[in-house]
Amino acid sequence: MDPGGLADCLLAHPDGAILRLHAQPGARRDALVGMHGDALKLAVRAAPEKGRANTGIQKLLAAALGIAARDVELLSGPAQRQKRFLLRGLPPEEAARRLTVAMAHDG
């Protein structure tokens, strides 16, 4: 099942899954916060300047999903809170499962 509605923020893509997320840069800690509408809310300590927050998000997602950072690609929203990332090699169902596990350990 999909606790927390993660299926709503994941879309199928030929190379894996697209994750919609809401970024909170400049946070106290890096964390998968939970749902924010139809997007996963993610907090990162990095400031939203010169791509630092995007790099922080990329690394946090890679660690949470157990994939290489190079397999987490920013598709849209480089200077916005609403972003879309491609998760290469992970179908949406598997990405949702891994994110659910990571959020349970993060809390």
PDB file of N, CA and C in Angstrom:
ATOM      1  N   MET A   1       0.826  -1.189   0.000  1.00  0.00           N
ATOM      2  CA  MET A   1       0.000   0.000   0.000  1.00  0.00           C
ATOM      3  C   MET A   1       0.869   1.251   0.000  1.00  0.00           C
ATOM      4  N   ASP A   2       0.229   2.385  -0.035  1.00  0.00           N
ATOM      5  CA  ASP A   2       0.939   3.652  -0.145  1.00  0.00           C
ATOM      6  C   ASP A   2       0.576   4.589   1.002  1.00  0.00           C
ATOM      7  N   PRO A   3       1.186   4.392   2.161  1.00  0.00           N
ATOM      8  CA  PRO A   3       0.890   5.311   3.255  1.00  0.00           C
ATOM      9  C   PRO A   3       1.404   6.696   2.934  1.00  0.00           C
ATOM     10  N   GLY A   4       0.587   7.685   3.209  1.00  0.00           N
ATOM     11  CA  GLY A   4       1.018   9.061   2.997  1.00  0.00           C
ATOM     12  C   GLY A   4       0.781   9.592   1.605  1.00  0.00           C
ATOM     13  N   GLY A   5       0.267   8.796   0.672  1.00  0.00           N
ATOM     14  CA  GLY A   5      -0.059   9.295  -0.654  1.00  0.00           C
ATOM     15  C   GLY A   5       1.118   9.508  -1.574  1.00  0.00           C
ATOM     16  N   LEU A   6       2.206   8.780  -1.384  1.00  0.00           N
ATOM     17  CA  LEU A   6       3.377   8.969  -2.242  1.00  0.00           C
ATOM     18  C   LEU A   6       3.092   8.685  -3.710  1.00  0.00           C
ATOM     19  N   ALA A   7       2.132   7.829  -3.997  1.00  0.00           N
ATOM     20  CA  ALA A   7       1.815   7.527  -5.394  1.00  0.00           C
ATOM     21  C   ALA A   7       1.367   8.788  -6.135  1.00  0.00           C
ATOM     22  N   ASP A   8       0.795   9.748  -5.409  1.00  0.00           N
ATOM     23  CA  ASP A   8       0.332  10.984  -6.031  1.00  0.00           C
ATOM     24  C   ASP A   8       1.473  11.854  -6.547  1.00  0.00           C
ATOM     25  N   CYS A   9       2.673  11.694  -6.011  1.00  0.00           N
ATOM     26  CA  CYS A   9       3.784  12.554  -6.419  1.00  0.00           C
ATOM     27  C   CYS A   9       4.762  11.836  -7.345  1.00  0.00           C
ATOM     28  N   LEU A  10       4.463  10.603  -7.732  1.00  0.00           N
ATOM     29  CA  LEU A  10       5.337   9.835  -8.613  1.00  0.00           C
ATOM     30  C   LEU A  10       4.629   9.510  -9.927  1.00  0.00           C
ATOM     31  N   LEU A  11       5.321   9.762 -11.018  1.00  0.00           N
ATOM     32  CA  LEU A  11       4.786   9.498 -12.346  1.00  0.00           C
ATOM     33  C   LEU A  11       5.715   8.535 -13.073  1.00  0.00           C
ATOM     34  N   ALA A  12       5.149   7.652 -13.865  1.00  0.00           N
ATOM     35  CA  ALA A  12       5.953   6.723 -14.652  1.00  0.00           C
ATOM     36  C   ALA A  12       6.704   7.478 -15.741  1.00  0.00           C
ATOM     37  N   HIS A  13       7.916   7.035 -16.008  1.00  0.00           N
ATOM     38  CA  HIS A  13       8.773   7.593 -17.055  1.00  0.00           C
ATOM     39  C   HIS A  13       9.512   6.421 -17.687  1.00  0.00           C
ATOM     40  N   PRO A  14       9.813   6.470 -18.989  1.00  0.00           N
ATOM     41  CA  PRO A  14      10.519   5.351 -19.622  1.00  0.00           C
ATOM     42  C   PRO A  14      11.838   4.977 -18.931  1.00  0.00           C
ATOM     43  N   ASP A  15      12.496   5.948 -18.285  1.00  0.00           N
ATOM     44  CA  ASP A  15      13.767   5.670 -17.611  1.00  0.00           C
ATOM     45  C   ASP A  15      13.630   5.414 -16.122  1.00  0.00           C
ATOM     46  N   GLY A  16      12.405   5.457 -15.580  1.00  0.00           N
ATOM     47  CA  GLY A  16      12.208   5.235 -14.154  1.00  0.00           C
ATOM     48  C   GLY A  16      10.946   5.912 -13.660  1.00  0.00           C
ATOM     49  N   ALA A  17      11.117   6.913 -12.793  1.00  0.00           N
ATOM     50  CA  ALA A  17       9.970   7.628 -12.239  1.00  0.00           C
ATOM     51  C   ALA A  17      10.304   9.112 -12.120  1.00  0.00           C
ATOM     52  N   ILE A  18       9.281   9.929 -12.228  1.00  0.00           N
ATOM     53  CA  ILE A  18       9.426  11.365 -11.990  1.00  0.00           C
ATOM     54  C   ILE A  18       8.799  11.658 -10.638  1.00  0.00           C
ATOM     55  N   LEU A  19       9.555  12.320  -9.788  1.00  0.00           N
ATOM     56  CA  LEU A  19       9.108  12.685  -8.450  1.00  0.00           C
ATOM     57  C   LEU A  19       8.841  14.177  -8.396  1.00  0.00           C
ATOM     58  N   ARG A  20       7.620  14.540  -8.004  1.00  0.00           N
ATOM     59  CA  ARG A  20       7.292  15.944  -7.755  1.00  0.00           C
ATOM     60  C   ARG A  20       7.607  16.225  -6.296  1.00  0.00           C
ATOM     61  N   LEU A  21       8.317  17.318  -6.055  1.00  0.00           N
ATOM     62  CA  LEU A  21       8.602  17.642  -4.675  1.00  0.00           C
ATOM     63  C   LEU A  21       8.526  19.124  -4.397  1.00  0.00           C
ATOM     64  N   HIS A  22       8.352  19.420  -3.123  1.00  0.00           N
ATOM     65  CA  HIS A  22       8.309  20.783  -2.612  1.00  0.00           C
ATOM     66  C   HIS A  22       9.545  20.941  -1.733  1.00  0.00           C
ATOM     67  N   ALA A  23      10.442  21.843  -2.108  1.00  0.00           N
ATOM     68  CA  ALA A  23      11.718  22.008  -1.411  1.00  0.00           C
ATOM     69  C   ALA A  23      11.620  23.057  -0.315  1.00  0.00           C
ATOM     70  N   GLN A  24      12.285  22.777   0.788  1.00  0.00           N
ATOM     71  CA  GLN A  24      12.421  23.735   1.882  1.00  0.00           C
ATOM     72  C   GLN A  24      13.912  23.911   2.153  1.00  0.00           C
ATOM     73  N   PRO A  25      14.559  24.835   1.426  1.00  0.00           N
ATOM     74  CA  PRO A  25      15.991  25.051   1.642  1.00  0.00           C
ATOM     75  C   PRO A  25      16.240  25.839   2.931  1.00  0.00           C
ATOM     76  N   GLY A  26      17.462  25.768   3.430  1.00  0.00           N
ATOM     77  CA  GLY A  26      17.834  26.505   4.626  1.00  0.00           C
ATOM     78  C   GLY A  26      17.205  25.951   5.894  1.00  0.00           C
ATOM     79  N   ALA A  27      16.864  24.668   5.892  1.00  0.00           N
ATOM     80  CA  ALA A  27      16.235  24.042   7.055  1.00  0.00           C
ATOM     81  C   ALA A  27      17.287  23.683   8.118  1.00  0.00           C
ATOM     82  N   ARG A  28      16.812  23.311   9.295  1.00  0.00           N
ATOM     83  CA  ARG A  28      17.723  22.917  10.378  1.00  0.00           C
ATOM     84  C   ARG A  28      18.412  21.596  10.099  1.00  0.00           C
ATOM     85  N   ARG A  29      17.721  20.716   9.356  1.00  0.00           N
ATOM     86  CA  ARG A  29      18.312  19.412   9.043  1.00  0.00           C
ATOM     87  C   ARG A  29      17.784  18.922   7.703  1.00  0.00           C
ATOM     88  N   ASP A  30      18.506  17.988   7.119  1.00  0.00           N
ATOM     89  CA  ASP A  30      18.062  17.348   5.889  1.00  0.00           C
ATOM     90  C   ASP A  30      17.043  16.273   6.263  1.00  0.00           C
ATOM     91  N   ALA A  31      15.880  16.295   5.630  1.00  0.00           N
ATOM     92  CA  ALA A  31      14.847  15.313   5.969  1.00  0.00           C
ATOM     93  C   ALA A  31      13.781  15.218   4.891  1.00  0.00           C
ATOM     94  N   LEU A  32      13.182  14.029   4.802  1.00  0.00           N
ATOM     95  CA  LEU A  32      11.971  13.815   4.029  1.00  0.00           C
ATOM     96  C   LEU A  32      10.843  14.152   4.992  1.00  0.00           C
ATOM     97  N   VAL A  33      10.153  15.252   4.759  1.00  0.00           N
ATOM     98  CA  VAL A  33       9.203  15.779   5.735  1.00  0.00           C
ATOM     99  C   VAL A  33       7.850  15.088   5.663  1.00  0.00           C
ATOM    100  N   GLY A  34       7.339  14.873   4.471  1.00  0.00           N
ATOM    101  CA  GLY A  34       6.009  14.287   4.290  1.00  0.00           C
ATOM    102  C   GLY A  34       5.372  14.861   3.046  1.00  0.00           C
ATOM    103  N   MET A  35       4.074  14.767   2.964  1.00  0.00           N
ATOM    104  CA  MET A  35       3.385  15.234   1.781  1.00  0.00           C
ATOM    105  C   MET A  35       3.028  16.715   1.895  1.00  0.00           C
ATOM    106  N   HIS A  36       3.070  17.395   0.760  1.00  0.00           N
ATOM    107  CA  HIS A  36       2.676  18.798   0.637  1.00  0.00           C
ATOM    108  C   HIS A  36       1.812  18.864  -0.615  1.00  0.00           C
ATOM    109  N   GLY A  37       0.511  18.679  -0.447  1.00  0.00           N
ATOM    110  CA  GLY A  37      -0.382  18.574  -1.603  1.00  0.00           C
ATOM    111  C   GLY A  37      -0.066  17.295  -2.364  1.00  0.00           C
ATOM    112  N   ASP A  38       0.228  17.413  -3.651  1.00  0.00           N
ATOM    113  CA  ASP A  38       0.576  16.233  -4.454  1.00  0.00           C
ATOM    114  C   ASP A  38       2.080  16.129  -4.669  1.00  0.00           C
ATOM    115  N   ALA A  39       2.858  16.681  -3.735  1.00  0.00           N
ATOM    116  CA  ALA A  39       4.318  16.638  -3.824  1.00  0.00           C
ATOM    117  C   ALA A  39       4.909  16.175  -2.495  1.00  0.00           C
ATOM    118  N   LEU A  40       6.073  15.565  -2.569  1.00  0.00           N
ATOM    119  CA  LEU A  40       6.817  15.186  -1.370  1.00  0.00           C
ATOM    120  C   LEU A  40       7.576  16.411  -0.884  1.00  0.00           C
ATOM    121  N   LYS A  41       7.428  16.746   0.387  1.00  0.00           N
ATOM    122  CA  LYS A  41       8.149  17.888   0.957  1.00  0.00           C
ATOM    123  C   LYS A  41       9.483  17.392   1.497  1.00  0.00           C
ATOM    124  N   LEU A  42      10.525  18.089   1.087  1.00  0.00           N
ATOM    125  CA  LEU A  42      11.887  17.730   1.455  1.00  0.00           C
ATOM    126  C   LEU A  42      12.579  18.952   2.040  1.00  0.00           C
ATOM    127  N   ALA A  43      13.243  18.798   3.159  1.00  0.00           N
ATOM    128  CA  ALA A  43      13.978  19.891   3.789  1.00  0.00           C
ATOM    129  C   ALA A  43      15.475  19.628   3.640  1.00  0.00           C
ATOM    130  N   VAL A  44      16.215  20.664   3.276  1.00  0.00           N
ATOM    131  CA  VAL A  44      17.671  20.557   3.193  1.00  0.00           C
ATOM    132  C   VAL A  44      18.312  21.760   3.872  1.00  0.00           C
ATOM    133  N   ARG A  45      19.458  21.519   4.491  1.00  0.00           N
ATOM    134  CA  ARG A  45      20.179  22.602   5.166  1.00  0.00           C
ATOM    135  C   ARG A  45      20.770  23.595   4.183  1.00  0.00           C
ATOM    136  N   ALA A  46      21.100  23.145   3.012  1.00  0.00           N
ATOM    137  CA  ALA A  46      21.763  23.998   2.019  1.00  0.00           C
ATOM    138  C   ALA A  46      20.916  25.216   1.670  1.00  0.00           C
ATOM    139  N   ALA A  47      21.608  26.316   1.446  1.00  0.00           N
ATOM    140  CA  ALA A  47      20.936  27.564   1.057  1.00  0.00           C
ATOM    141  C   ALA A  47      20.518  27.501  -0.409  1.00  0.00           C
ATOM    142  N   PRO A  48      19.458  28.244  -0.767  1.00  0.00           N
ATOM    143  CA  PRO A  48      18.984  28.235  -2.151  1.00  0.00           C
ATOM    144  C   PRO A  48      19.786  29.187  -3.036  1.00  0.00           C
ATOM    145  N   GLU A  49      21.077  29.012  -3.079  1.00  0.00           N
ATOM    146  CA  GLU A  49      21.912  29.871  -3.924  1.00  0.00           C
ATOM    147  C   GLU A  49      22.946  29.028  -4.658  1.00  0.00           C
ATOM    148  N   LYS A  50      23.170  29.397  -5.908  1.00  0.00           N
ATOM    149  CA  LYS A  50      24.160  28.736  -6.759  1.00  0.00           C
ATOM    150  C   LYS A  50      23.952  27.220  -6.845  1.00  0.00           C
ATOM    151  N   GLY A  51      22.696  26.776  -6.782  1.00  0.00           N
ATOM    152  CA  GLY A  51      22.384  25.356  -6.942  1.00  0.00           C
ATOM    153  C   GLY A  51      22.691  24.484  -5.742  1.00  0.00           C
ATOM    154  N   ARG A  52      23.080  25.079  -4.621  1.00  0.00           N
ATOM    155  CA  ARG A  52      23.446  24.278  -3.443  1.00  0.00           C
ATOM    156  C   ARG A  52      22.271  23.457  -2.914  1.00  0.00           C
ATOM    157  N   ALA A  53      21.099  24.063  -2.850  1.00  0.00           N
ATOM    158  CA  ALA A  53      19.926  23.332  -2.354  1.00  0.00           C
ATOM    159  C   ALA A  53      19.577  22.181  -3.296  1.00  0.00           C
ATOM    160  N   ASN A  54      19.664  22.398  -4.594  1.00  0.00           N
ATOM    161  CA  ASN A  54      19.367  21.328  -5.550  1.00  0.00           C
ATOM    162  C   ASN A  54      20.336  20.170  -5.396  1.00  0.00           C
ATOM    163  N   THR A  55      21.605  20.472  -5.172  1.00  0.00           N
ATOM    164  CA  THR A  55      22.601  19.417  -4.946  1.00  0.00           C
ATOM    165  C   THR A  55      22.295  18.677  -3.653  1.00  0.00           C
ATOM    166  N   GLY A  56      21.902  19.415  -2.618  1.00  0.00           N
ATOM    167  CA  GLY A  56      21.531  18.786  -1.357  1.00  0.00           C
ATOM    168  C   GLY A  56      20.331  17.871  -1.502  1.00  0.00           C
ATOM    169  N   ILE A  57      19.346  18.309  -2.277  1.00  0.00           N
ATOM    170  CA  ILE A  57      18.161  17.488  -2.537  1.00  0.00           C
ATOM    171  C   ILE A  57      18.556  16.228  -3.298  1.00  0.00           C
ATOM    172  N   GLN A  58      19.382  16.388  -4.303  1.00  0.00           N
ATOM    173  CA  GLN A  58      19.839  15.252  -5.107  1.00  0.00           C
ATOM    174  C   GLN A  58      20.523  14.209  -4.224  1.00  0.00           C
ATOM    175  N   LYS A  59      21.409  14.651  -3.345  1.00  0.00           N
ATOM    176  CA  LYS A  59      22.130  13.725  -2.465  1.00  0.00           C
ATOM    177  C   LYS A  59      21.198  13.066  -1.460  1.00  0.00           C
ATOM    178  N   LEU A  60      20.259  13.839  -0.898  1.00  0.00           N
ATOM    179  CA  LEU A  60      19.305  13.288   0.062  1.00  0.00           C
ATOM    180  C   LEU A  60      18.418  12.238  -0.592  1.00  0.00           C
ATOM    181  N   LEU A  61      17.907  12.533  -1.783  1.00  0.00           N
ATOM    182  CA  LEU A  61      17.076  11.562  -2.491  1.00  0.00           C
ATOM    183  C   LEU A  61      17.858  10.302  -2.835  1.00  0.00           C
ATOM    184  N   ALA A  62      19.078  10.467  -3.312  1.00  0.00           N
ATOM    185  CA  ALA A  62      19.898   9.303  -3.668  1.00  0.00           C
ATOM    186  C   ALA A  62      20.117   8.411  -2.446  1.00  0.00           C
ATOM    187  N   ALA A  63      20.440   9.014  -1.312  1.00  0.00           N
ATOM    188  CA  ALA A  63      20.671   8.233  -0.090  1.00  0.00           C
ATOM    189  C   ALA A  63      19.385   7.543   0.367  1.00  0.00           C
ATOM    190  N   ALA A  64      18.271   8.252   0.331  1.00  0.00           N
ATOM    191  CA  ALA A  64      16.997   7.687   0.775  1.00  0.00           C
ATOM    192  C   ALA A  64      16.546   6.538  -0.118  1.00  0.00           C
ATOM    193  N   LEU A  65      16.844   6.636  -1.410  1.00  0.00           N
ATOM    194  CA  LEU A  65      16.395   5.633  -2.379  1.00  0.00           C
ATOM    195  C   LEU A  65      17.410   4.516  -2.605  1.00  0.00           C
ATOM    196  N   GLY A  66      18.629   4.699  -2.105  1.00  0.00           N
ATOM    197  CA  GLY A  66      19.659   3.684  -2.313  1.00  0.00           C
ATOM    198  C   GLY A  66      20.153   3.620  -3.744  1.00  0.00           C
ATOM    199  N   ILE A  67      20.217   4.771  -4.403  1.00  0.00           N
ATOM    200  CA  ILE A  67      20.726   4.832  -5.769  1.00  0.00           C
ATOM    201  C   ILE A  67      21.843   5.873  -5.833  1.00  0.00           C
ATOM    202  N   ALA A  68      22.585   5.871  -6.915  1.00  0.00           N
ATOM    203  CA  ALA A  68      23.668   6.836  -7.087  1.00  0.00           C
ATOM    204  C   ALA A  68      23.099   8.229  -7.344  1.00  0.00           C
ATOM    205  N   ALA A  69      23.802   9.239  -6.873  1.00  0.00           N
ATOM    206  CA  ALA A  69      23.363  10.627  -7.082  1.00  0.00           C
ATOM    207  C   ALA A  69      23.224  10.935  -8.567  1.00  0.00           C
ATOM    208  N   ARG A  70      24.031  10.319  -9.404  1.00  0.00           N
ATOM    209  CA  ARG A  70      23.940  10.566 -10.851  1.00  0.00           C
ATOM    210  C   ARG A  70      22.629  10.051 -11.438  1.00  0.00           C
ATOM    211  N   ASP A  71      21.918   9.183 -10.700  1.00  0.00           N
ATOM    212  CA  ASP A  71      20.634   8.654 -11.157  1.00  0.00           C
ATOM    213  C   ASP A  71      19.453   9.492 -10.668  1.00  0.00           C
ATOM    214  N   VAL A  72      19.749  10.618 -10.028  1.00  0.00           N
ATOM    215  CA  VAL A  72      18.725  11.564  -9.579  1.00  0.00           C
ATOM    216  C   VAL A  72      18.974  12.859 -10.342  1.00  0.00           C
ATOM    217  N   GLU A  73      18.107  13.142 -11.318  1.00  0.00           N
ATOM    218  CA  GLU A  73      18.324  14.277 -12.222  1.00  0.00           C
ATOM    219  C   GLU A  73      17.216  15.312 -12.093  1.00  0.00           C
ATOM    220  N   LEU A  74      17.595  16.555 -11.872  1.00  0.00           N
ATOM    221  CA  LEU A  74      16.630  17.655 -11.806  1.00  0.00           C
ATOM    222  C   LEU A  74      16.089  17.916 -13.207  1.00  0.00           C
ATOM    223  N   LEU A  75      14.766  17.817 -13.355  1.00  0.00           N
ATOM    224  CA  LEU A  75      14.134  18.054 -14.654  1.00  0.00           C
ATOM    225  C   LEU A  75      13.567  19.462 -14.766  1.00  0.00           C
ATOM    226  N   SER A  76      13.003  19.978 -13.672  1.00  0.00           N
ATOM    227  CA  SER A  76      12.409  21.311 -13.728  1.00  0.00           C
ATOM    228  C   SER A  76      12.387  21.949 -12.346  1.00  0.00           C
ATOM    229  N   GLY A  77      12.357  23.279 -12.343  1.00  0.00           N
ATOM    230  CA  GLY A  77      12.259  24.038 -11.110  1.00  0.00           C
ATOM    231  C   GLY A  77      13.569  24.341 -10.417  1.00  0.00           C
ATOM    232  N   PRO A  78      14.663  24.599 -11.157  1.00  0.00           N
ATOM    233  CA  PRO A  78      15.951  24.807 -10.486  1.00  0.00           C
ATOM    234  C   PRO A  78      15.960  25.973  -9.505  1.00  0.00           C
ATOM    235  N   ALA A  79      15.132  26.987  -9.724  1.00  0.00           N
ATOM    236  CA  ALA A  79      15.117  28.151  -8.833  1.00  0.00           C
ATOM    237  C   ALA A  79      13.761  28.299  -8.136  1.00  0.00           C
ATOM    238  N   GLN A  80      12.993  27.211  -8.089  1.00  0.00           N
ATOM    239  CA  GLN A  80      11.667  27.255  -7.482  1.00  0.00           C
ATOM    240  C   GLN A  80      11.558  26.206  -6.383  1.00  0.00           C
ATOM    241  N   ARG A  81      10.566  26.359  -5.537  1.00  0.00           N
ATOM    242  CA  ARG A  81      10.329  25.355  -4.493  1.00  0.00           C
ATOM    243  C   ARG A  81       9.727  24.081  -5.084  1.00  0.00           C
ATOM    244  N   GLN A  82       8.876  24.233  -6.116  1.00  0.00           N
ATOM    245  CA  GLN A  82       8.298  23.068  -6.778  1.00  0.00           C
ATOM    246  C   GLN A  82       9.289  22.575  -7.820  1.00  0.00           C
ATOM    247  N   LYS A  83       9.659  21.303  -7.689  1.00  0.00           N
ATOM    248  CA  LYS A  83      10.664  20.714  -8.570  1.00  0.00           C
ATOM    249  C   LYS A  83      10.193  19.349  -9.049  1.00  0.00           C
ATOM    250  N   ARG A  84      10.819  18.896 -10.117  1.00  0.00           N
ATOM    251  CA  ARG A  84      10.596  17.535 -10.606  1.00  0.00           C
ATOM    252  C   ARG A  84      11.956  16.893 -10.819  1.00  0.00           C
ATOM    253  N   PHE A  85      12.121  15.706 -10.255  1.00  0.00           N
ATOM    254  CA  PHE A  85      13.358  14.954 -10.401  1.00  0.00           C
ATOM    255  C   PHE A  85      13.074  13.630 -11.080  1.00  0.00           C
ATOM    256  N   LEU A  86      13.958  13.228 -11.988  1.00  0.00           N
ATOM    257  CA  LEU A  86      13.898  11.904 -12.598  1.00  0.00           C
ATOM    258  C   LEU A  86      14.702  10.957 -11.724  1.00  0.00           C
ATOM    259  N   LEU A  87      14.096   9.850 -11.348  1.00  0.00           N
ATOM    260  CA  LEU A  87      14.756   8.802 -10.572  1.00  0.00           C
ATOM    261  C   LEU A  87      15.020   7.651 -11.532  1.00  0.00           C
ATOM    262  N   ARG A  88      16.219   7.603 -12.060  1.00  0.00           N
ATOM    263  CA  ARG A  88      16.562   6.603 -13.083  1.00  0.00           C
ATOM    264  C   ARG A  88      16.613   5.188 -12.495  1.00  0.00           C
ATOM    265  N   GLY A  89      15.990   4.271 -13.240  1.00  0.00           N
ATOM    266  CA  GLY A  89      16.060   2.856 -12.882  1.00  0.00           C
ATOM    267  C   GLY A  89      15.075   2.417 -11.806  1.00  0.00           C
ATOM    268  N   LEU A  90      14.213   3.317 -11.326  1.00  0.00           N
ATOM    269  CA  LEU A  90      13.228   2.950 -10.298  1.00  0.00           C
ATOM    270  C   LEU A  90      11.818   3.180 -10.821  1.00  0.00           C
ATOM    271  N   PRO A  91      11.014   2.140 -10.906  1.00  0.00           N
ATOM    272  CA  PRO A  91       9.613   2.370 -11.258  1.00  0.00           C
ATOM    273  C   PRO A  91       8.916   3.092 -10.103  1.00  0.00           C
ATOM    274  N   PRO A  92       7.819   3.784 -10.373  1.00  0.00           N
ATOM    275  CA  PRO A  92       7.140   4.548  -9.321  1.00  0.00           C
ATOM    276  C   PRO A  92       6.798   3.737  -8.075  1.00  0.00           C
ATOM    277  N   GLU A  93       6.350   2.495  -8.246  1.00  0.00           N
ATOM    278  CA  GLU A  93       5.960   1.671  -7.097  1.00  0.00           C
ATOM    279  C   GLU A  93       7.152   1.409  -6.183  1.00  0.00           C
ATOM    280  N   GLU A  94       8.304   1.110  -6.761  1.00  0.00           N
ATOM    281  CA  GLU A  94       9.506   0.841  -5.969  1.00  0.00           C
ATOM    282  C   GLU A  94      10.019   2.122  -5.326  1.00  0.00           C
ATOM    283  N   ALA A  95       9.962   3.227  -6.042  1.00  0.00           N
ATOM    284  CA  ALA A  95      10.375   4.508  -5.469  1.00  0.00           C
ATOM    285  C   ALA A  95       9.491   4.853  -4.271  1.00  0.00           C
ATOM    286  N   ALA A  96       8.178   4.645  -4.388  1.00  0.00           N
ATOM    287  CA  ALA A  96       7.253   4.922  -3.280  1.00  0.00           C
ATOM    288  C   ALA A  96       7.574   4.040  -2.082  1.00  0.00           C
ATOM    289  N   ARG A  97       7.861   2.774  -2.337  1.00  0.00           N
ATOM    290  CA  ARG A  97       8.197   1.852  -1.238  1.00  0.00           C
ATOM    291  C   ARG A  97       9.452   2.309  -0.511  1.00  0.00           C
ATOM    292  N   ARG A  98      10.486   2.635  -1.272  1.00  0.00           N
ATOM    293  CA  ARG A  98      11.754   3.061  -0.661  1.00  0.00           C
ATOM    294  C   ARG A  98      11.613   4.390   0.085  1.00  0.00           C
ATOM    295  N   LEU A  99      10.849   5.309  -0.474  1.00  0.00           N
ATOM    296  CA  LEU A  99      10.637   6.593   0.206  1.00  0.00           C
ATOM    297  C   LEU A  99       9.841   6.403   1.493  1.00  0.00           C
ATOM    298  N   THR A 100       8.875   5.501   1.479  1.00  0.00           N
ATOM    299  CA  THR A 100       8.093   5.212   2.681  1.00  0.00           C
ATOM    300  C   THR A 100       8.999   4.676   3.782  1.00  0.00           C
ATOM    301  N   VAL A 101       9.879   3.756   3.430  1.00  0.00           N
ATOM    302  CA  VAL A 101      10.826   3.194   4.401  1.00  0.00           C
ATOM    303  C   VAL A 101      11.754   4.288   4.918  1.00  0.00           C
ATOM    304  N   ALA A 102      12.267   5.124   4.017  1.00  0.00           N
ATOM    305  CA  ALA A 102      13.178   6.191   4.428  1.00  0.00           C
ATOM    306  C   ALA A 102      12.488   7.198   5.343  1.00  0.00           C
ATOM    307  N   MET A 103      11.236   7.522   5.049  1.00  0.00           N
ATOM    308  CA  MET A 103      10.506   8.472   5.891  1.00  0.00           C
ATOM    309  C   MET A 103      10.242   7.870   7.273  1.00  0.00           C
ATOM    310  N   ALA A 104       9.999   6.573   7.346  1.00  0.00           N
ATOM    311  CA  ALA A 104       9.767   5.919   8.639  1.00  0.00           C
ATOM    312  C   ALA A 104      11.039   5.967   9.491  1.00  0.00           C
ATOM    313  N   HIS A 105      12.197   5.836   8.851  1.00  0.00           N
ATOM    314  CA  HIS A 105      13.472   5.879   9.581  1.00  0.00           C
ATOM    315  C   HIS A 105      13.901   7.299   9.908  1.00  0.00           C
ATOM    316  N   ASP A 106      13.415   8.257   9.110  1.00  0.00           N
ATOM    317  CA  ASP A 106      13.801   9.658   9.273  1.00  0.00           C
ATOM    318  C   ASP A 106      13.113  10.312  10.463  1.00  0.00           C
ATOM    319  N   GLY A 107      11.894   9.855  10.749  1.00  0.00           N
ATOM    320  CA  GLY A 107      11.070  10.465  11.775  1.00  0.00           C
ATOM    321  C   GLY A 107      11.512  10.121  13.121  1.00  0.00           C
TER     322      GLY A 107
END
